[in-house]
PDB file of N, CA and C in Angstrom:
ATOM      1  N   MET A   1     -13.315 -19.794  67.978  1.00  0.00           N
ATOM      2  CA  MET A   1     -14.482 -19.047  66.399  1.00  0.00           C
ATOM      3  C   MET A   1     -13.836 -17.949  65.858  1.00  0.00           C
ATOM      4  N   LEU A   2     -13.193 -17.244  66.615  1.00  0.00           N
ATOM      5  CA  LEU A   2     -12.781 -15.904  66.021  1.00  0.00           C
ATOM      6  C   LEU A   2     -11.416 -16.778  65.660  1.00  0.00           C
ATOM      7  N   LEU A   3     -10.510 -17.671  65.229  1.00  0.00           N
ATOM      8  CA  LEU A   3      -9.445 -18.373  65.025  1.00  0.00           C
ATOM      9  C   LEU A   3      -9.981 -19.034  63.567  1.00  0.00           C
ATOM     10  N   GLU A   4     -11.091 -19.479  63.758  1.00  0.00           N
ATOM     11  CA  GLU A   4     -11.417 -20.301  62.356  1.00  0.00           C
ATOM     12  C   GLU A   4     -12.064 -18.978  61.879  1.00  0.00           C
ATOM     13  N   SER A   5     -12.455 -18.100  61.862  1.00  0.00           N
ATOM     14  CA  SER A   5     -12.941 -16.909  60.867  1.00  0.00           C
ATOM     15  C   SER A   5     -11.747 -16.685  60.468  1.00  0.00           C
ATOM     16  N   ARG A   6     -11.085 -16.368  61.294  1.00  0.00           N
ATOM     17  CA  ARG A   6      -9.627 -15.931  60.219  1.00  0.00           C
ATOM     18  C   ARG A   6      -9.169 -16.664  59.715  1.00  0.00           C
ATOM     19  N   ARG A   7      -8.885 -18.152  59.872  1.00  0.00           N
ATOM     20  CA  ARG A   7      -8.501 -19.037  59.054  1.00  0.00           C
ATOM     21  C   ARG A   7      -9.518 -19.053  57.495  1.00  0.00           C
ATOM     22  N   GLY A   8     -10.547 -18.591  57.599  1.00  0.00           N
ATOM     23  CA  GLY A   8     -11.660 -18.858  56.634  1.00  0.00           C
ATOM     24  C   GLY A   8     -11.193 -17.680  55.880  1.00  0.00           C
ATOM     25  N   GLY A   9     -10.892 -16.553  56.385  1.00  0.00           N
ATOM     26  CA  GLY A   9     -10.481 -15.187  55.778  1.00  0.00           C
ATOM     27  C   GLY A   9      -9.523 -15.595  54.881  1.00  0.00           C
ATOM     28  N   ALA A  10      -8.300 -16.028  55.437  1.00  0.00           N
ATOM     29  CA  ALA A  10      -7.212 -16.327  54.793  1.00  0.00           C
ATOM     30  C   ALA A  10      -7.585 -17.428  53.651  1.00  0.00           C
ATOM     31  N   ARG A  11      -8.526 -18.366  53.847  1.00  0.00           N
ATOM     32  CA  ARG A  11      -8.477 -18.917  53.103  1.00  0.00           C
ATOM     33  C   ARG A  11      -9.176 -18.194  51.761  1.00  0.00           C
ATOM     34  N   LEU A  12     -10.031 -17.098  52.246  1.00  0.00           N
ATOM     35  CA  LEU A  12     -10.703 -16.807  51.122  1.00  0.00           C
ATOM     36  C   LEU A  12     -10.111 -15.802  50.516  1.00  0.00           C
ATOM     37  N   ALA A  13      -9.062 -15.261  50.974  1.00  0.00           N
ATOM     38  CA  ALA A  13      -8.197 -14.080  50.561  1.00  0.00           C
ATOM     39  C   ALA A  13      -7.249 -14.873  49.436  1.00  0.00           C
ATOM     40  N   ALA A  14      -6.439 -16.110  49.799  1.00  0.00           N
ATOM     41  CA  ALA A  14      -5.783 -17.121  49.308  1.00  0.00           C
ATOM     42  C   ALA A  14      -6.604 -17.697  48.126  1.00  0.00           C
ATOM     43  N   ILE A  15      -7.585 -17.758  47.817  1.00  0.00           N
ATOM     44  CA  ILE A  15      -8.547 -18.248  46.617  1.00  0.00           C
ATOM     45  C   ILE A  15      -8.770 -17.296  46.127  1.00  0.00           C
ATOM     46  N   MET A  16      -9.052 -15.792  46.156  1.00  0.00           N
ATOM     47  CA  MET A  16      -9.235 -14.366  45.705  1.00  0.00           C
ATOM     48  C   MET A  16      -7.867 -14.354  45.067  1.00  0.00           C
ATOM     49  N   VAL A  17      -6.834 -14.585  45.566  1.00  0.00           N
ATOM     50  CA  VAL A  17      -5.303 -14.323  45.040  1.00  0.00           C
ATOM     51  C   VAL A  17      -5.201 -15.218  43.976  1.00  0.00           C
ATOM     52  N   ALA A  18      -5.684 -16.359  43.871  1.00  0.00           N
ATOM     53  CA  ALA A  18      -5.353 -17.823  42.757  1.00  0.00           C
ATOM     54  C   ALA A  18      -6.212 -17.185  41.717  1.00  0.00           C
ATOM     55  N   CYS A  19      -7.765 -16.356  42.051  1.00  0.00           N
ATOM     56  CA  CYS A  19      -8.210 -16.201  41.082  1.00  0.00           C
ATOM     57  C   CYS A  19      -8.067 -15.180  40.498  1.00  0.00           C
ATOM     58  N   TRP A  20      -7.627 -14.291  40.970  1.00  0.00           N
ATOM     59  CA  TRP A  20      -6.994 -12.813  40.530  1.00  0.00           C
ATOM     60  C   TRP A  20      -5.681 -13.345  39.611  1.00  0.00           C
ATOM     61  N   ASN A  21      -5.003 -14.105  40.022  1.00  0.00           N
ATOM     62  CA  ASN A  21      -3.468 -14.499  39.089  1.00  0.00           C
ATOM     63  C   ASN A  21      -4.329 -15.239  38.009  1.00  0.00           C
ATOM     64  N   GLY A  22      -5.114 -16.017  38.209  1.00  0.00           N
ATOM     65  CA  GLY A  22      -5.480 -16.612  37.101  1.00  0.00           C
ATOM     66  C   GLY A  22      -6.392 -15.561  35.708  1.00  0.00           C
ATOM     67  N   VAL A  23      -7.101 -14.797  36.414  1.00  0.00           N
ATOM     68  CA  VAL A  23      -7.727 -13.521  35.425  1.00  0.00           C
ATOM     69  C   VAL A  23      -6.427 -12.928  34.428  1.00  0.00           C
ATOM     70  N   ALA A  24      -5.571 -12.405  35.786  1.00  0.00           N
ATOM     71  CA  ALA A  24      -4.879 -11.855  34.980  1.00  0.00           C
ATOM     72  C   ALA A  24      -3.587 -12.645  33.894  1.00  0.00           C
ATOM     73  N   SER A  25      -3.396 -14.001  34.447  1.00  0.00           N
ATOM     74  CA  SER A  25      -2.816 -14.325  33.065  1.00  0.00           C
ATOM     75  C   SER A  25      -3.267 -14.717  32.131  1.00  0.00           C
ATOM     76  N   SER A  26      -4.901 -14.938  32.290  1.00  0.00           N
ATOM     77  CA  SER A  26      -5.816 -15.059  31.030  1.00  0.00           C
ATOM     78  C   SER A  26      -5.553 -13.484  30.235  1.00  0.00           C
ATOM     79  N   MET A  27      -6.009 -12.705  30.923  1.00  0.00           N
ATOM     80  CA  MET A  27      -6.118 -11.726  30.670  1.00  0.00           C
ATOM     81  C   MET A  27      -4.631 -11.240  29.784  1.00  0.00           C
ATOM     82  N   ILE A  28      -3.160 -11.594  30.042  1.00  0.00           N
ATOM     83  CA  ILE A  28      -2.065 -11.231  29.625  1.00  0.00           C
ATOM     84  C   ILE A  28      -1.815 -12.153  28.140  1.00  0.00           C
ATOM     85  N   TRP A  29      -2.491 -13.653  28.679  1.00  0.00           N
ATOM     86  CA  TRP A  29      -2.596 -14.440  27.529  1.00  0.00           C
ATOM     87  C   TRP A  29      -3.206 -13.815  26.101  1.00  0.00           C
ATOM     88  N   ASP A  30      -4.534 -13.398  26.719  1.00  0.00           N
ATOM     89  CA  ASP A  30      -5.317 -12.485  25.470  1.00  0.00           C
ATOM     90  C   ASP A  30      -4.567 -11.251  24.619  1.00  0.00           C
ATOM     91  N   LEU A  31      -4.116 -10.668  25.401  1.00  0.00           N
ATOM     92  CA  LEU A  31      -3.841  -9.457  25.195  1.00  0.00           C
ATOM     93  C   LEU A  31      -1.934  -9.851  24.299  1.00  0.00           C
ATOM     94  N   ASP A  32      -1.494 -11.135  24.392  1.00  0.00           N
ATOM     95  CA  ASP A  32      -0.294 -11.514  23.724  1.00  0.00           C
ATOM     96  C   ASP A  32      -0.635 -12.128  22.271  1.00  0.00           C
ATOM     97  N   GLU A  33      -1.744 -13.131  22.662  1.00  0.00           N
ATOM     98  CA  GLU A  33      -2.652 -13.375  21.389  1.00  0.00           C
ATOM     99  C   GLU A  33      -3.008 -12.367  20.268  1.00  0.00           C
ATOM    100  N   GLN A  34      -3.747 -10.925  20.496  1.00  0.00           N
ATOM    101  CA  GLN A  34      -4.083 -10.048  20.307  1.00  0.00           C
ATOM    102  C   GLN A  34      -2.917  -9.445  19.581  1.00  0.00           C
ATOM    103  N   GLU A  35      -1.766  -9.397  20.415  1.00  0.00           N
ATOM    104  CA  GLU A  35      -0.631  -8.848  19.719  1.00  0.00           C
ATOM    105  C   GLU A  35      -0.047  -9.180  18.261  1.00  0.00           C
ATOM    106  N   THR A  36      -0.159 -10.703  18.772  1.00  0.00           N
ATOM    107  CA  THR A  36       0.329 -11.840  17.612  1.00  0.00           C
ATOM    108  C   THR A  36      -0.319 -11.566  16.333  1.00  0.00           C
ATOM    109  N   VAL A  37      -1.845 -11.436  16.568  1.00  0.00           N
ATOM    110  CA  VAL A  37      -2.412 -11.242  15.352  1.00  0.00           C
ATOM    111  C   VAL A  37      -2.653 -10.065  14.552  1.00  0.00           C
ATOM    112  N   THR A  38      -2.687  -8.865  15.333  1.00  0.00           N
ATOM    113  CA  THR A  38      -2.446  -7.576  15.023  1.00  0.00           C
ATOM    114  C   THR A  38      -0.711  -7.304  14.176  1.00  0.00           C
ATOM    115  N   GLY A  39       0.290  -8.171  14.839  1.00  0.00           N
ATOM    116  CA  GLY A  39       1.240  -7.875  13.777  1.00  0.00           C
ATOM    117  C   GLY A  39       1.492  -8.821  12.693  1.00  0.00           C
ATOM    118  N   THR A  40       0.267  -9.664  12.891  1.00  0.00           N
ATOM    119  CA  THR A  40       0.090 -10.582  11.764  1.00  0.00           C
ATOM    120  C   THR A  40      -0.603  -9.431  10.165  1.00  0.00           C
ATOM    121  N   VAL A  41      -1.224  -9.013  11.045  1.00  0.00           N
ATOM    122  CA  VAL A  41      -2.297  -8.056  10.053  1.00  0.00           C
ATOM    123  C   VAL A  41      -1.548  -7.184   9.558  1.00  0.00           C
ATOM    124  N   LEU A  42      -0.688  -6.497  10.190  1.00  0.00           N
ATOM    125  CA  LEU A  42       0.261  -5.430   9.910  1.00  0.00           C
ATOM    126  C   LEU A  42       1.194  -5.960   8.840  1.00  0.00           C
ATOM    127  N   GLU A  43       1.788  -6.961   9.214  1.00  0.00           N
ATOM    128  CA  GLU A  43       2.324  -7.658   7.842  1.00  0.00           C
ATOM    129  C   GLU A  43       1.899  -7.892   6.915  1.00  0.00           C
ATOM    130  N   ALA A  44       1.008  -8.496   6.760  1.00  0.00           N
ATOM    131  CA  ALA A  44       0.107  -8.452   5.599  1.00  0.00           C
ATOM    132  C   ALA A  44      -0.243  -7.474   5.045  1.00  0.00           C
ATOM    133  N   MET A  45      -0.377  -6.307   5.701  1.00  0.00           N
ATOM    134  CA  MET A  45      -0.908  -4.580   5.147  1.00  0.00           C
ATOM    135  C   MET A  45       0.544  -4.166   4.439  1.00  0.00           C
ATOM    136  N   ASP A  46       1.380  -4.350   4.960  1.00  0.00           N
ATOM    137  CA  ASP A  46       2.758  -4.007   4.829  1.00  0.00           C
ATOM    138  C   ASP A  46       3.087  -4.448   3.493  1.00  0.00           C
ATOM    139  N   ARG A  47       2.829  -5.695   3.233  1.00  0.00           N
ATOM    140  CA  ARG A  47       3.591  -6.486   1.993  1.00  0.00           C
ATOM    141  C   ARG A  47       2.338  -6.256   1.017  1.00  0.00           C
ATOM    142  N   GLU A  48       1.220  -6.000   0.747  1.00  0.00           N
ATOM    143  CA  GLU A  48       0.079  -5.426  -0.045  1.00  0.00           C
ATOM    144  C   GLU A  48       0.458  -4.102  -0.068  1.00  0.00           C
ATOM    145  N   LEU A  49       1.079  -3.180   0.352  1.00  0.00           N
ATOM    146  CA  LEU A  49       1.304  -1.867   0.282  1.00  0.00           C
ATOM    147  C   LEU A  49       2.543  -1.956  -0.440  1.00  0.00           C
ATOM    148  N   GLU A  50       3.580  -2.662  -0.181  1.00  0.00           N
ATOM    149  CA  GLU A  50       4.592  -2.564  -0.910  1.00  0.00           C
ATOM    150  C   GLU A  50       4.615  -3.109  -2.103  1.00  0.00           C
ATOM    151  N   GLU A  51       3.405  -4.132  -2.280  1.00  0.00           N
ATOM    152  CA  GLU A  51       3.207  -4.593  -3.916  1.00  0.00           C
ATOM    153  C   GLU A  51       2.286  -3.242  -4.871  1.00  0.00           C
ATOM    154  N   ILE A  52       1.237  -3.091  -4.100  1.00  0.00           N
ATOM    155  CA  ILE A  52       0.725  -1.746  -4.502  1.00  0.00           C
ATOM    156  C   ILE A  52       1.603  -0.599  -5.072  1.00  0.00           C
ATOM    157  N   SER A  53       2.815  -0.345  -4.113  1.00  0.00           N
ATOM    158  CA  SER A  53       3.405   0.535  -4.863  1.00  0.00           C
ATOM    159  C   SER A  53       4.599   0.236  -5.872  1.00  0.00           C
ATOM    160  N   ALA A  54       4.852  -0.987  -6.364  1.00  0.00           N
ATOM    161  CA  ALA A  54       5.684  -1.491  -7.109  1.00  0.00           C
ATOM    162  C   ALA A  54       4.795  -1.544  -8.136  1.00  0.00           C
ATOM    163  N   ASN A  55       3.370  -1.735  -8.210  1.00  0.00           N
ATOM    164  CA  ASN A  55       2.748  -1.780  -9.315  1.00  0.00           C
ATOM    165  C   ASN A  55       2.260  -0.482  -9.901  1.00  0.00           C
ATOM    166  N   ASN A  56       2.308   0.761  -8.966  1.00  0.00           N
ATOM    167  CA  ASN A  56       2.341   2.149  -8.965  1.00  0.00           C
ATOM    168  C   ASN A  56       3.460   2.659 -10.124  1.00  0.00           C
ATOM    169  N   TYR A  57       4.104   2.115  -9.447  1.00  0.00           N
ATOM    170  CA  TYR A  57       5.972   2.405 -10.014  1.00  0.00           C
ATOM    171  C   TYR A  57       6.076   1.754 -11.361  1.00  0.00           C
ATOM    172  N   THR A  58       5.726   0.423 -12.147  1.00  0.00           N
ATOM    173  CA  THR A  58       5.580  -0.161 -12.795  1.00  0.00           C
ATOM    174  C   THR A  58       4.488   0.940 -13.912  1.00  0.00           C
ATOM    175  N   ARG A  59       3.417   1.130 -13.589  1.00  0.00           N
ATOM    176  CA  ARG A  59       2.622   1.732 -14.470  1.00  0.00           C
ATOM    177  C   ARG A  59       2.822   3.547 -14.589  1.00  0.00           C
ATOM    178  N   LYS A  60       3.538   4.247 -13.870  1.00  0.00           N
ATOM    179  CA  LYS A  60       3.992   5.429 -13.839  1.00  0.00           C
ATOM    180  C   LYS A  60       4.887   5.201 -15.207  1.00  0.00           C
ATOM    181  N   CYS A  61       6.365   4.366 -14.831  1.00  0.00           N
ATOM    182  CA  CYS A  61       7.137   4.022 -15.809  1.00  0.00           C
ATOM    183  C   CYS A  61       6.707   3.932 -17.516  1.00  0.00           C
ATOM    184  N   ALA A  62       5.770   3.138 -17.004  1.00  0.00           N
ATOM    185  CA  ALA A  62       4.639   2.309 -18.675  1.00  0.00           C
ATOM    186  C   ALA A  62       3.982   3.517 -19.346  1.00  0.00           C
ATOM    187  N   ASN A  63       3.316   4.523 -18.486  1.00  0.00           N
ATOM    188  CA  ASN A  63       2.679   6.067 -18.847  1.00  0.00           C
ATOM    189  C   ASN A  63       3.928   6.751 -19.045  1.00  0.00           C
ATOM    190  N   GLN A  64       4.902   6.978 -18.612  1.00  0.00           N
ATOM    191  CA  GLN A  64       5.961   7.941 -18.910  1.00  0.00           C
ATOM    192  C   GLN A  64       6.639   7.178 -20.405  1.00  0.00           C
ATOM    193  N   GLU A  65       6.749   6.007 -20.596  1.00  0.00           N
ATOM    194  CA  GLU A  65       7.077   5.669 -22.227  1.00  0.00           C
ATOM    195  C   GLU A  65       6.142   5.732 -23.052  1.00  0.00           C
ATOM    196  N   SER A  66       4.791   5.495 -22.778  1.00  0.00           N
ATOM    197  CA  SER A  66       3.784   5.966 -23.432  1.00  0.00           C
ATOM    198  C   SER A  66       3.832   7.277 -24.282  1.00  0.00           C
ATOM    199  N   ARG A  67       3.918   8.128 -23.071  1.00  0.00           N
ATOM    200  CA  ARG A  67       3.787   9.644 -23.226  1.00  0.00           C
ATOM    201  C   ARG A  67       5.487  10.340 -24.534  1.00  0.00           C
ATOM    202  N   ALA A  68       6.049   9.622 -24.128  1.00  0.00           N
ATOM    203  CA  ALA A  68       7.212   9.630 -24.649  1.00  0.00           C
ATOM    204  C   ALA A  68       7.094   8.991 -26.068  1.00  0.00           C
ATOM    205  N   ARG A  69       6.656   8.114 -26.478  1.00  0.00           N
ATOM    206  CA  ARG A  69       6.110   7.747 -27.688  1.00  0.00           C
ATOM    207  C   ARG A  69       5.008   8.356 -28.774  1.00  0.00           C
ATOM    208  N   GLU A  70       4.494   9.078 -27.890  1.00  0.00           N
ATOM    209  CA  GLU A  70       2.930   9.817 -28.367  1.00  0.00           C
ATOM    210  C   GLU A  70       4.033  11.530 -28.708  1.00  0.00           C
ATOM    211  N   ARG A  71       5.309  11.666 -28.229  1.00  0.00           N
ATOM    212  CA  ARG A  71       5.676  13.064 -28.301  1.00  0.00           C
ATOM    213  C   ARG A  71       6.476  12.471 -29.645  1.00  0.00           C
ATOM    214  N   ALA A  72       7.258  11.580 -29.699  1.00  0.00           N
ATOM    215  CA  ALA A  72       8.035  11.394 -30.923  1.00  0.00           C
ATOM    216  C   ALA A  72       7.151  11.263 -31.769  1.00  0.00           C
ATOM    217  N   ARG A  73       6.129  10.713 -31.913  1.00  0.00           N
ATOM    218  CA  ARG A  73       4.408  10.489 -33.053  1.00  0.00           C
ATOM    219  C   ARG A  73       4.166  11.743 -33.581  1.00  0.00           C
ATOM    220  N   ASP A  74       4.001  12.498 -32.578  1.00  0.00           N
ATOM    221  CA  ASP A  74       3.481  13.668 -33.105  1.00  0.00           C
ATOM    222  C   ASP A  74       4.377  14.573 -33.720  1.00  0.00           C
ATOM    223  N   GLN A  75       6.120  14.521 -33.557  1.00  0.00           N
ATOM    224  CA  GLN A  75       7.038  15.415 -33.905  1.00  0.00           C
ATOM    225  C   GLN A  75       6.990  14.377 -35.194  1.00  0.00           C
ATOM    226  N   THR A  76       7.015  13.277 -35.373  1.00  0.00           N
ATOM    227  CA  THR A  76       7.154  13.022 -36.613  1.00  0.00           C
ATOM    228  C   THR A  76       6.188  13.610 -37.588  1.00  0.00           C
ATOM    229  N   ILE A  77       5.044  13.569 -37.388  1.00  0.00           N
ATOM    230  CA  ILE A  77       3.893  13.789 -38.199  1.00  0.00           C
ATOM    231  C   ILE A  77       4.532  15.351 -38.198  1.00  0.00           C
ATOM    232  N   GLU A  78       4.286  16.039 -37.014  1.00  0.00           N
ATOM    233  CA  GLU A  78       4.749  17.825 -37.659  1.00  0.00           C
ATOM    234  C   GLU A  78       5.690  17.607 -38.591  1.00  0.00           C
ATOM    235  N   THR A  79       6.803  16.652 -38.561  1.00  0.00           N
ATOM    236  CA  THR A  79       8.042  16.807 -39.668  1.00  0.00           C
ATOM    237  C   THR A  79       7.385  16.875 -41.035  1.00  0.00           C
ATOM    238  N   THR A  80       6.660  15.626 -40.911  1.00  0.00           N
ATOM    239  CA  THR A  80       6.161  14.876 -42.121  1.00  0.00           C
ATOM    240  C   THR A  80       5.325  15.757 -42.820  1.00  0.00           C
ATOM    241  N   SER A  81       4.259  16.540 -41.860  1.00  0.00           N
ATOM    242  CA  SER A  81       3.609  17.650 -42.724  1.00  0.00           C
ATOM    243  C   SER A  81       4.287  19.150 -42.979  1.00  0.00           C
ATOM    244  N   ALA A  82       5.368  19.277 -42.633  1.00  0.00           N
ATOM    245  CA  ALA A  82       6.098  20.522 -42.960  1.00  0.00           C
ATOM    246  C   ALA A  82       7.072  19.825 -44.405  1.00  0.00           C
ATOM    247  N   MET A  83       7.507  18.807 -44.669  1.00  0.00           N
ATOM    248  CA  MET A  83       8.109  18.415 -45.799  1.00  0.00           C
ATOM    249  C   MET A  83       6.916  18.222 -46.587  1.00  0.00           C
ATOM    250  N   ILE A  84       5.837  18.273 -46.174  1.00  0.00           N
ATOM    251  CA  ILE A  84       4.607  17.944 -47.412  1.00  0.00           C
ATOM    252  C   ILE A  84       3.967  19.366 -47.916  1.00  0.00           C
ATOM    253  N   ARG A  85       4.165  20.163 -46.852  1.00  0.00           N
ATOM    254  CA  ARG A  85       4.113  21.583 -47.362  1.00  0.00           C
ATOM    255  C   ARG A  85       5.341  22.163 -48.062  1.00  0.00           C
ATOM    256  N   GLU A  86       6.168  21.947 -48.266  1.00  0.00           N
ATOM    257  CA  GLU A  86       7.383  22.298 -48.763  1.00  0.00           C
ATOM    258  C   GLU A  86       7.216  21.395 -49.857  1.00  0.00           C
ATOM    259  N   LEU A  87       6.964  20.364 -50.358  1.00  0.00           N
ATOM    260  CA  LEU A  87       7.174  19.514 -51.388  1.00  0.00           C
ATOM    261  C   LEU A  87       6.081  20.134 -52.384  1.00  0.00           C
ATOM    262  N   GLN A  88       4.881  20.610 -51.570  1.00  0.00           N
ATOM    263  CA  GLN A  88       3.693  21.035 -52.035  1.00  0.00           C
ATOM    264  C   GLN A  88       4.259  22.270 -52.903  1.00  0.00           C
ATOM    265  N   ARG A  89       4.688  23.161 -52.148  1.00  0.00           N
ATOM    266  CA  ARG A  89       4.700  24.470 -52.627  1.00  0.00           C
ATOM    267  C   ARG A  89       5.985  24.271 -53.484  1.00  0.00           C
ATOM    268  N   ARG A  90       7.143  23.723 -53.903  1.00  0.00           N
ATOM    269  CA  ARG A  90       7.675  23.819 -54.795  1.00  0.00           C
ATOM    270  C   ARG A  90       6.886  22.853 -55.986  1.00  0.00           C
ATOM    271  N   ILE A  91       6.222  22.152 -55.726  1.00  0.00           N
ATOM    272  CA  ILE A  91       5.901  21.883 -57.225  1.00  0.00           C
ATOM    273  C   ILE A  91       4.758  22.732 -57.620  1.00  0.00           C
ATOM    274  N   ASP A  92       3.996  23.769 -56.686  1.00  0.00           N
ATOM    275  CA  ASP A  92       3.469  24.947 -57.334  1.00  0.00           C
ATOM    276  C   ASP A  92       4.080  25.799 -58.021  1.00  0.00           C
ATOM    277  N   GLU A  93       5.320  26.093 -57.375  1.00  0.00           N
ATOM    278  CA  GLU A  93       6.157  26.839 -58.064  1.00  0.00           C
ATOM    279  C   GLU A  93       6.712  26.615 -59.532  1.00  0.00           C
ATOM    280  N   THR A  94       6.929  25.508 -59.484  1.00  0.00           N
ATOM    281  CA  THR A  94       7.719  24.540 -61.062  1.00  0.00           C
ATOM    282  C   THR A  94       5.917  24.232 -61.759  1.00  0.00           C
ATOM    283  N   SER A  95       4.856  24.524 -61.105  1.00  0.00           N
ATOM    284  CA  SER A  95       3.904  24.435 -62.076  1.00  0.00           C
ATOM    285  C   SER A  95       3.307  25.697 -62.471  1.00  0.00           C
ATOM    286  N   GLY A  96       3.686  26.825 -62.160  1.00  0.00           N
ATOM    287  CA  GLY A  96       3.202  28.472 -62.159  1.00  0.00           C
ATOM    288  C   GLY A  96       2.202  28.731 -61.212  1.00  0.00           C
ATOM    289  N   LYS A  97       1.670  27.709 -60.373  1.00  0.00           N
ATOM    290  CA  LYS A  97       0.471  28.151 -59.452  1.00  0.00           C
ATOM    291  C   LYS A  97       1.011  29.152 -58.620  1.00  0.00           C
ATOM    292  N   PRO A  98       0.115  29.966 -58.159  1.00  0.00           N
ATOM    293  CA  PRO A  98       0.302  31.049 -57.111  1.00  0.00           C
ATOM    294  C   PRO A  98       0.658  30.682 -55.561  1.00  0.00           C
TER     295      PRO A  98
END
């Protein structure tokens, strides 16, 4: 009877070890899957961030060019206004106006 009890305990232990190994393998498999999914998500996020960064750089360059054009336009307006004032002054001098 004692011998059978020991054999039953050994069988139970073997079954428990087999179950544990199955659970451990399943957990390892699940962790590996999660790591793969996480890696895929991170790669997608990295691509999106690179695209956003490139778009931001393009917009920054376009904005700088626009500001440069505005400054050039403002300078042209100022120069033209100064020339008009000078011409008006000369016309006034020639016509005898103060």
